[in-house]
Amino acid sequence: MHVLIAGIDGYLGWSLALHLIARGHEVSGCDNYSRRGWVEEMGSQSAIPIERMDIRLSAAAETLGKAPAFHEGDLTDYAFVAGLISEHRPDAIVHLGECPSAPYSMIDQAHAAFVQTNNVIGTLNILHAMRDVAPDAHLVKLGTMGEY
């Protein structure tokens, strides 16, 4: 099975990618590194240090004999999403590419609008790209906004 993980740089996305590869599945993923930026913007740091993606991919290949195919890009860009799904033709898509932080969305109007745009438009782009490019793929979505 080929699984595409949106939000592969996150805690759940990376752990899931490694688990699926270890079970023999093909894995591809995308991320725009937003979570890293949000943590930095808040003057915080991850509880567990997180290596750059190139180091993570290298470690996965060394440990598991295979690394996920990684693409840097933004889910709010429909051309990126459709191209990614078209290239990989996944059997399943796991959508973890949302801002999960309610407190972040409550900072001010700009942050609230950003989180809604990121989460809702990203999800809509995935749904439309699935319809247009991979209608037989399955979607697993984890989100916090209640939009779907």
N, C-alpha and C. Protein backbone atom coordinates (compact mmCIF):
# COMPACT_ATOMS: atom_id res chain seq x y z
N MET A 1 0.85 -1.17 0.00
CA MET A 1 0.00 0.00 0.00
C MET A 1 0.89 1.24 0.00
N HIS A 2 0.48 2.26 -0.73
CA HIS A 2 1.19 3.53 -0.73
C HIS A 2 0.38 4.54 0.08
N VAL A 3 1.02 5.12 1.09
CA VAL A 3 0.37 6.08 1.97
C VAL A 3 1.07 7.42 1.83
N LEU A 4 0.30 8.45 1.60
CA LEU A 4 0.80 9.82 1.56
C LEU A 4 0.43 10.49 2.86
N ILE A 5 1.43 11.07 3.53
CA ILE A 5 1.20 11.73 4.82
C ILE A 5 1.41 13.23 4.65
N ALA A 6 0.34 13.98 4.80
CA ALA A 6 0.42 15.44 4.81
C ALA A 6 0.72 15.86 6.24
N GLY A 7 1.80 16.59 6.44
CA GLY A 7 2.24 16.94 7.79
C GLY A 7 3.25 15.93 8.31
N ILE A 8 4.07 15.39 7.43
CA ILE A 8 5.02 14.33 7.79
C ILE A 8 6.11 14.80 8.75
N ASP A 9 6.38 16.11 8.81
CA ASP A 9 7.42 16.62 9.70
C ASP A 9 6.97 16.68 11.15
N GLY A 10 5.68 16.53 11.40
CA GLY A 10 5.17 16.61 12.76
C GLY A 10 5.41 15.33 13.55
N TYR A 11 5.15 15.41 14.83
CA TYR A 11 5.35 14.28 15.74
C TYR A 11 4.58 13.04 15.28
N LEU A 12 3.30 13.20 14.99
CA LEU A 12 2.50 12.05 14.55
C LEU A 12 2.87 11.62 13.13
N GLY A 13 3.09 12.59 12.24
CA GLY A 13 3.40 12.26 10.85
C GLY A 13 4.68 11.47 10.70
N TRP A 14 5.74 11.90 11.38
CA TRP A 14 7.02 11.21 11.26
C TRP A 14 6.95 9.82 11.90
N SER A 15 6.34 9.72 13.05
CA SER A 15 6.21 8.42 13.72
C SER A 15 5.40 7.45 12.86
N LEU A 16 4.33 7.93 12.27
CA LEU A 16 3.51 7.09 11.41
C LEU A 16 4.29 6.65 10.17
N ALA A 17 5.04 7.57 9.57
CA ALA A 17 5.84 7.23 8.40
C ALA A 17 6.81 6.10 8.71
N LEU A 18 7.52 6.21 9.81
CA LEU A 18 8.49 5.17 10.19
C LEU A 18 7.79 3.84 10.45
N HIS A 19 6.67 3.89 11.13
CA HIS A 19 5.91 2.67 11.42
C HIS A 19 5.45 1.99 10.13
N LEU A 20 4.92 2.76 9.20
CA LEU A 20 4.42 2.19 7.95
C LEU A 20 5.56 1.61 7.10
N ILE A 21 6.68 2.32 7.04
CA ILE A 21 7.83 1.80 6.29
C ILE A 21 8.31 0.49 6.90
N ALA A 22 8.38 0.44 8.22
CA ALA A 22 8.82 -0.78 8.90
C ALA A 22 7.88 -1.95 8.61
N ARG A 23 6.63 -1.66 8.31
CA ARG A 23 5.65 -2.71 7.98
C ARG A 23 5.62 -3.03 6.50
N GLY A 24 6.51 -2.39 5.72
CA GLY A 24 6.62 -2.72 4.31
C GLY A 24 5.83 -1.86 3.35
N HIS A 25 5.24 -0.78 3.82
CA HIS A 25 4.46 0.09 2.95
C HIS A 25 5.33 1.14 2.28
N GLU A 26 4.87 1.63 1.14
CA GLU A 26 5.50 2.77 0.48
C GLU A 26 4.93 4.02 1.14
N VAL A 27 5.80 4.97 1.43
CA VAL A 27 5.35 6.19 2.11
C VAL A 27 5.94 7.40 1.41
N SER A 28 5.08 8.37 1.18
CA SER A 28 5.53 9.69 0.73
C SER A 28 4.88 10.70 1.65
N GLY A 29 5.44 11.88 1.67
CA GLY A 29 4.88 12.89 2.55
C GLY A 29 5.26 14.28 2.15
N CYS A 30 4.54 15.22 2.73
CA CYS A 30 4.81 16.63 2.47
C CYS A 30 4.69 17.42 3.76
N ASP A 31 5.35 18.55 3.76
CA ASP A 31 5.26 19.46 4.89
C ASP A 31 5.81 20.81 4.44
N ASN A 32 5.35 21.86 5.08
CA ASN A 32 5.90 23.18 4.81
C ASN A 32 6.64 23.74 6.01
N TYR A 33 6.85 22.92 7.00
CA TYR A 33 7.60 23.27 8.22
C TYR A 33 6.93 24.36 9.06
N SER A 34 5.64 24.55 8.90
CA SER A 34 4.94 25.59 9.66
C SER A 34 5.07 25.39 11.17
N ARG A 35 4.95 24.15 11.61
CA ARG A 35 5.00 23.90 13.05
C ARG A 35 6.30 24.43 13.64
N ARG A 36 7.39 24.22 12.94
CA ARG A 36 8.68 24.73 13.43
C ARG A 36 8.64 26.25 13.56
N GLY A 37 8.01 26.91 12.60
CA GLY A 37 7.90 28.37 12.64
C GLY A 37 7.01 28.84 13.78
N TRP A 38 5.91 28.13 14.02
CA TRP A 38 5.01 28.51 15.11
C TRP A 38 5.71 28.40 16.46
N VAL A 39 6.46 27.33 16.65
CA VAL A 39 7.19 27.13 17.90
C VAL A 39 8.19 28.27 18.09
N GLU A 40 8.92 28.60 17.03
CA GLU A 40 9.91 29.68 17.10
C GLU A 40 9.22 31.03 17.36
N GLU A 41 8.11 31.28 16.68
CA GLU A 41 7.37 32.53 16.87
C GLU A 41 6.96 32.73 18.32
N MET A 42 6.63 31.66 19.01
CA MET A 42 6.20 31.74 20.39
C MET A 42 7.38 31.78 21.36
N GLY A 43 8.60 31.74 20.81
CA GLY A 43 9.78 31.77 21.68
C GLY A 43 9.93 30.49 22.47
N SER A 44 9.47 29.40 21.90
CA SER A 44 9.48 28.12 22.60
C SER A 44 10.41 27.15 21.88
N GLN A 45 10.38 25.92 22.34
CA GLN A 45 11.13 24.85 21.69
C GLN A 45 10.39 23.55 21.89
N SER A 46 10.66 22.60 21.01
CA SER A 46 10.01 21.29 21.14
C SER A 46 10.53 20.58 22.38
N ALA A 47 9.67 19.82 23.02
CA ALA A 47 10.08 19.06 24.20
C ALA A 47 11.18 18.06 23.84
N ILE A 48 11.12 17.54 22.63
CA ILE A 48 12.14 16.62 22.11
C ILE A 48 12.78 17.30 20.92
N PRO A 49 14.11 17.43 20.92
CA PRO A 49 14.76 18.07 19.76
C PRO A 49 14.42 17.34 18.46
N ILE A 50 14.12 18.11 17.42
CA ILE A 50 13.73 17.53 16.15
C ILE A 50 14.76 17.92 15.10
N GLU A 51 15.38 16.92 14.49
CA GLU A 51 16.40 17.15 13.48
C GLU A 51 15.79 17.70 12.20
N ARG A 52 16.64 18.29 11.36
CA ARG A 52 16.21 18.73 10.03
C ARG A 52 15.74 17.52 9.23
N MET A 53 14.90 17.75 8.24
CA MET A 53 14.31 16.66 7.47
C MET A 53 15.38 15.85 6.74
N ASP A 54 16.41 16.49 6.20
CA ASP A 54 17.43 15.71 5.49
C ASP A 54 18.12 14.72 6.42
N ILE A 55 18.34 15.10 7.66
CA ILE A 55 18.95 14.19 8.63
C ILE A 55 17.98 13.08 9.00
N ARG A 56 16.71 13.41 9.16
CA ARG A 56 15.70 12.40 9.49
C ARG A 56 15.56 11.37 8.36
N LEU A 57 15.54 11.87 7.12
CA LEU A 57 15.42 10.96 5.97
C LEU A 57 16.62 10.03 5.88
N SER A 58 17.80 10.56 6.12
CA SER A 58 19.02 9.76 6.09
C SER A 58 18.99 8.69 7.18
N ALA A 59 18.58 9.08 8.37
CA ALA A 59 18.49 8.12 9.48
C ALA A 59 17.46 7.03 9.20
N ALA A 60 16.34 7.40 8.59
CA ALA A 60 15.32 6.41 8.24
C ALA A 60 15.87 5.42 7.23
N ALA A 61 16.56 5.92 6.22
CA ALA A 61 17.13 5.04 5.20
C ALA A 61 18.17 4.09 5.81
N GLU A 62 18.99 4.62 6.70
CA GLU A 62 20.02 3.80 7.34
C GLU A 62 19.40 2.74 8.26
N THR A 63 18.40 3.12 9.00
CA THR A 63 17.79 2.23 9.98
C THR A 63 16.82 1.23 9.35
N LEU A 64 15.99 1.72 8.42
CA LEU A 64 14.92 0.89 7.86
C LEU A 64 15.21 0.38 6.45
N GLY A 65 16.27 0.91 5.84
CA GLY A 65 16.58 0.52 4.47
C GLY A 65 15.79 1.29 3.44
N LYS A 66 14.96 2.20 3.89
CA LYS A 66 14.13 3.00 2.99
C LYS A 66 13.66 4.25 3.74
N ALA A 67 13.54 5.32 3.00
CA ALA A 67 13.04 6.56 3.58
C ALA A 67 11.79 6.99 2.80
N PRO A 68 10.93 7.76 3.43
CA PRO A 68 9.78 8.26 2.68
C PRO A 68 10.23 9.25 1.61
N ALA A 69 9.48 9.33 0.54
CA ALA A 69 9.70 10.37 -0.46
C ALA A 69 9.15 11.66 0.14
N PHE A 70 9.98 12.68 0.22
CA PHE A 70 9.57 13.92 0.87
C PHE A 70 9.46 15.06 -0.12
N HIS A 71 8.39 15.86 0.05
CA HIS A 71 8.17 17.05 -0.78
C HIS A 71 7.85 18.22 0.13
N GLU A 72 8.60 19.30 0.00
CA GLU A 72 8.29 20.51 0.75
C GLU A 72 7.25 21.31 -0.03
N GLY A 73 6.16 21.65 0.62
CA GLY A 73 5.12 22.42 -0.05
C GLY A 73 3.96 22.71 0.88
N ASP A 74 3.07 23.55 0.40
CA ASP A 74 1.98 24.07 1.20
C ASP A 74 0.64 23.50 0.71
N LEU A 75 -0.14 22.97 1.63
CA LEU A 75 -1.43 22.39 1.28
C LEU A 75 -2.44 23.41 0.80
N THR A 76 -2.20 24.69 1.05
CA THR A 76 -3.12 25.70 0.54
C THR A 76 -2.85 26.01 -0.93
N ASP A 77 -1.85 25.39 -1.51
CA ASP A 77 -1.52 25.54 -2.94
C ASP A 77 -2.07 24.32 -3.68
N TYR A 78 -3.22 24.51 -4.36
CA TYR A 78 -3.87 23.37 -5.01
C TYR A 78 -2.97 22.69 -6.04
N ALA A 79 -2.22 23.46 -6.81
CA ALA A 79 -1.34 22.86 -7.83
C ALA A 79 -0.32 21.93 -7.18
N PHE A 80 0.22 22.33 -6.03
CA PHE A 80 1.16 21.48 -5.30
C PHE A 80 0.47 20.18 -4.86
N VAL A 81 -0.70 20.31 -4.26
CA VAL A 81 -1.41 19.14 -3.73
C VAL A 81 -1.80 18.18 -4.86
N ALA A 82 -2.37 18.72 -5.91
CA ALA A 82 -2.79 17.87 -7.04
C ALA A 82 -1.58 17.20 -7.69
N GLY A 83 -0.48 17.93 -7.83
CA GLY A 83 0.73 17.36 -8.41
C GLY A 83 1.30 16.25 -7.56
N LEU A 84 1.30 16.45 -6.25
CA LEU A 84 1.80 15.45 -5.32
C LEU A 84 0.97 14.16 -5.38
N ILE A 85 -0.34 14.31 -5.36
CA ILE A 85 -1.22 13.14 -5.42
C ILE A 85 -1.12 12.47 -6.79
N SER A 86 -1.00 13.25 -7.83
CA SER A 86 -0.85 12.70 -9.17
C SER A 86 0.46 11.91 -9.31
N GLU A 87 1.53 12.46 -8.73
CA GLU A 87 2.83 11.79 -8.82
C GLU A 87 2.86 10.46 -8.07
N HIS A 88 2.26 10.43 -6.89
CA HIS A 88 2.38 9.24 -6.03
C HIS A 88 1.19 8.28 -6.12
N ARG A 89 0.04 8.74 -6.56
CA ARG A 89 -1.16 7.90 -6.66
C ARG A 89 -1.34 7.04 -5.41
N PRO A 90 -1.48 7.68 -4.25
CA PRO A 90 -1.57 6.90 -3.01
C PRO A 90 -2.87 6.11 -2.90
N ASP A 91 -2.78 5.03 -2.15
CA ASP A 91 -3.97 4.26 -1.81
C ASP A 91 -4.70 4.92 -0.64
N ALA A 92 -3.93 5.60 0.20
CA ALA A 92 -4.50 6.28 1.35
C ALA A 92 -3.72 7.57 1.60
N ILE A 93 -4.43 8.56 2.10
CA ILE A 93 -3.84 9.84 2.47
C ILE A 93 -4.17 10.07 3.94
N VAL A 94 -3.14 10.36 4.72
CA VAL A 94 -3.33 10.71 6.12
C VAL A 94 -3.04 12.20 6.23
N HIS A 95 -4.07 12.96 6.56
CA HIS A 95 -3.97 14.42 6.60
C HIS A 95 -3.74 14.87 8.04
N LEU A 96 -2.47 15.19 8.33
CA LEU A 96 -2.09 15.71 9.65
C LEU A 96 -1.55 17.13 9.52
N GLY A 97 -1.74 17.74 8.36
CA GLY A 97 -1.12 19.02 8.07
C GLY A 97 -1.95 20.23 8.47
N GLU A 98 -2.41 20.25 9.69
CA GLU A 98 -3.18 21.39 10.18
C GLU A 98 -2.48 21.98 11.39
N CYS A 99 -2.81 23.23 11.67
CA CYS A 99 -2.35 23.86 12.90
C CYS A 99 -3.23 23.30 14.03
N PRO A 100 -2.63 22.58 14.97
CA PRO A 100 -3.45 21.93 16.00
C PRO A 100 -3.66 22.78 17.26
N SER A 101 -3.19 24.02 17.24
CA SER A 101 -3.15 24.79 18.48
C SER A 101 -4.28 25.82 18.57
N ALA A 102 -5.25 25.53 19.42
CA ALA A 102 -6.30 26.52 19.66
C ALA A 102 -5.72 27.79 20.27
N PRO A 103 -4.79 27.71 21.25
CA PRO A 103 -4.22 28.95 21.78
C PRO A 103 -3.52 29.80 20.71
N TYR A 104 -2.86 29.17 19.75
CA TYR A 104 -2.20 29.92 18.68
C TYR A 104 -3.25 30.69 17.86
N SER A 105 -4.38 30.05 17.62
CA SER A 105 -5.42 30.70 16.82
C SER A 105 -6.12 31.83 17.57
N MET A 106 -5.93 31.89 18.88
CA MET A 106 -6.59 32.92 19.69
C MET A 106 -5.70 34.12 19.99
N ILE A 107 -4.51 34.17 19.42
CA ILE A 107 -3.60 35.29 19.70
C ILE A 107 -4.24 36.60 19.25
N ASP A 108 -4.74 36.62 18.04
CA ASP A 108 -5.38 37.81 17.50
C ASP A 108 -6.12 37.42 16.22
N GLN A 109 -6.74 38.42 15.58
CA GLN A 109 -7.52 38.15 14.37
C GLN A 109 -6.67 37.54 13.28
N ALA A 110 -5.46 38.04 13.08
CA ALA A 110 -4.60 37.56 12.00
C ALA A 110 -4.25 36.08 12.20
N HIS A 111 -3.95 35.70 13.42
CA HIS A 111 -3.64 34.30 13.69
C HIS A 111 -4.87 33.41 13.52
N ALA A 112 -6.03 33.90 13.97
CA ALA A 112 -7.27 33.13 13.81
C ALA A 112 -7.59 32.93 12.34
N ALA A 113 -7.46 33.97 11.54
CA ALA A 113 -7.73 33.86 10.10
C ALA A 113 -6.72 32.94 9.43
N PHE A 114 -5.45 33.04 9.82
CA PHE A 114 -4.44 32.17 9.24
C PHE A 114 -4.76 30.70 9.52
N VAL A 115 -5.08 30.38 10.77
CA VAL A 115 -5.35 28.98 11.13
C VAL A 115 -6.55 28.46 10.35
N GLN A 116 -7.60 29.24 10.25
CA GLN A 116 -8.77 28.80 9.48
C GLN A 116 -8.42 28.60 8.01
N THR A 117 -7.71 29.55 7.42
CA THR A 117 -7.31 29.43 6.02
C THR A 117 -6.45 28.20 5.82
N ASN A 118 -5.44 28.05 6.66
CA ASN A 118 -4.53 26.90 6.54
C ASN A 118 -5.29 25.59 6.65
N ASN A 119 -6.10 25.47 7.67
CA ASN A 119 -6.76 24.19 7.94
C ASN A 119 -7.89 23.89 6.96
N VAL A 120 -8.74 24.85 6.70
CA VAL A 120 -9.89 24.59 5.83
C VAL A 120 -9.47 24.49 4.37
N ILE A 121 -8.68 25.43 3.87
CA ILE A 121 -8.28 25.40 2.47
C ILE A 121 -7.38 24.19 2.19
N GLY A 122 -6.49 23.89 3.12
CA GLY A 122 -5.66 22.69 2.94
C GLY A 122 -6.50 21.43 2.81
N THR A 123 -7.50 21.30 3.65
CA THR A 123 -8.39 20.13 3.59
C THR A 123 -9.20 20.13 2.29
N LEU A 124 -9.74 21.27 1.92
CA LEU A 124 -10.50 21.34 0.66
C LEU A 124 -9.62 20.96 -0.53
N ASN A 125 -8.38 21.43 -0.55
CA ASN A 125 -7.48 21.10 -1.65
C ASN A 125 -7.20 19.60 -1.71
N ILE A 126 -7.02 18.98 -0.57
CA ILE A 126 -6.81 17.53 -0.56
C ILE A 126 -8.06 16.82 -1.10
N LEU A 127 -9.22 17.22 -0.63
CA LEU A 127 -10.46 16.57 -1.08
C LEU A 127 -10.67 16.73 -2.58
N HIS A 128 -10.46 17.92 -3.10
CA HIS A 128 -10.65 18.14 -4.54
C HIS A 128 -9.59 17.41 -5.36
N ALA A 129 -8.36 17.40 -4.88
CA ALA A 129 -7.31 16.67 -5.61
C ALA A 129 -7.60 15.17 -5.60
N MET A 130 -8.11 14.66 -4.49
CA MET A 130 -8.48 13.24 -4.45
C MET A 130 -9.57 12.96 -5.47
N ARG A 131 -10.59 13.81 -5.50
CA ARG A 131 -11.68 13.63 -6.46
C ARG A 131 -11.15 13.67 -7.90
N ASP A 132 -10.26 14.63 -8.17
CA ASP A 132 -9.78 14.84 -9.53
C ASP A 132 -8.72 13.86 -9.97
N VAL A 133 -7.90 13.40 -9.04
CA VAL A 133 -6.70 12.64 -9.41
C VAL A 133 -6.69 11.20 -8.88
N ALA A 134 -7.19 10.99 -7.68
CA ALA A 134 -7.12 9.67 -7.06
C ALA A 134 -8.42 9.35 -6.33
N PRO A 135 -9.51 9.19 -7.09
CA PRO A 135 -10.82 9.03 -6.46
C PRO A 135 -10.98 7.76 -5.65
N ASP A 136 -10.12 6.78 -5.83
CA ASP A 136 -10.24 5.55 -5.05
C ASP A 136 -9.41 5.57 -3.77
N ALA A 137 -8.65 6.62 -3.56
CA ALA A 137 -7.84 6.73 -2.34
C ALA A 137 -8.75 6.95 -1.13
N HIS A 138 -8.27 6.51 0.01
CA HIS A 138 -8.98 6.71 1.27
C HIS A 138 -8.32 7.86 2.02
N LEU A 139 -9.11 8.57 2.81
CA LEU A 139 -8.60 9.70 3.59
C LEU A 139 -8.80 9.46 5.06
N VAL A 140 -7.73 9.66 5.82
CA VAL A 140 -7.79 9.69 7.28
C VAL A 140 -7.36 11.09 7.65
N LYS A 141 -8.23 11.82 8.35
CA LYS A 141 -7.94 13.21 8.69
C LYS A 141 -8.01 13.40 10.19
N LEU A 142 -6.97 14.03 10.71
CA LEU A 142 -6.99 14.40 12.12
C LEU A 142 -6.94 15.91 12.18
N GLY A 143 -7.96 16.52 12.73
CA GLY A 143 -8.02 17.97 12.79
C GLY A 143 -8.69 18.42 14.07
N THR A 144 -8.59 19.71 14.34
CA THR A 144 -9.12 20.24 15.59
C THR A 144 -10.20 21.29 15.38
N MET A 145 -10.47 21.68 14.13
CA MET A 145 -11.36 22.80 13.90
C MET A 145 -12.82 22.39 13.74
N GLY A 146 -13.11 21.13 13.54
CA GLY A 146 -14.48 20.69 13.38
C GLY A 146 -15.09 21.09 12.05
N GLU A 147 -14.24 21.36 11.04
CA GLU A 147 -14.78 21.82 9.76
C GLU A 147 -15.32 20.67 8.93
N TYR A 148 -14.94 19.45 9.21
CA TYR A 148 -15.46 18.29 8.47
C TYR A 148 -15.81 17.17 9.40
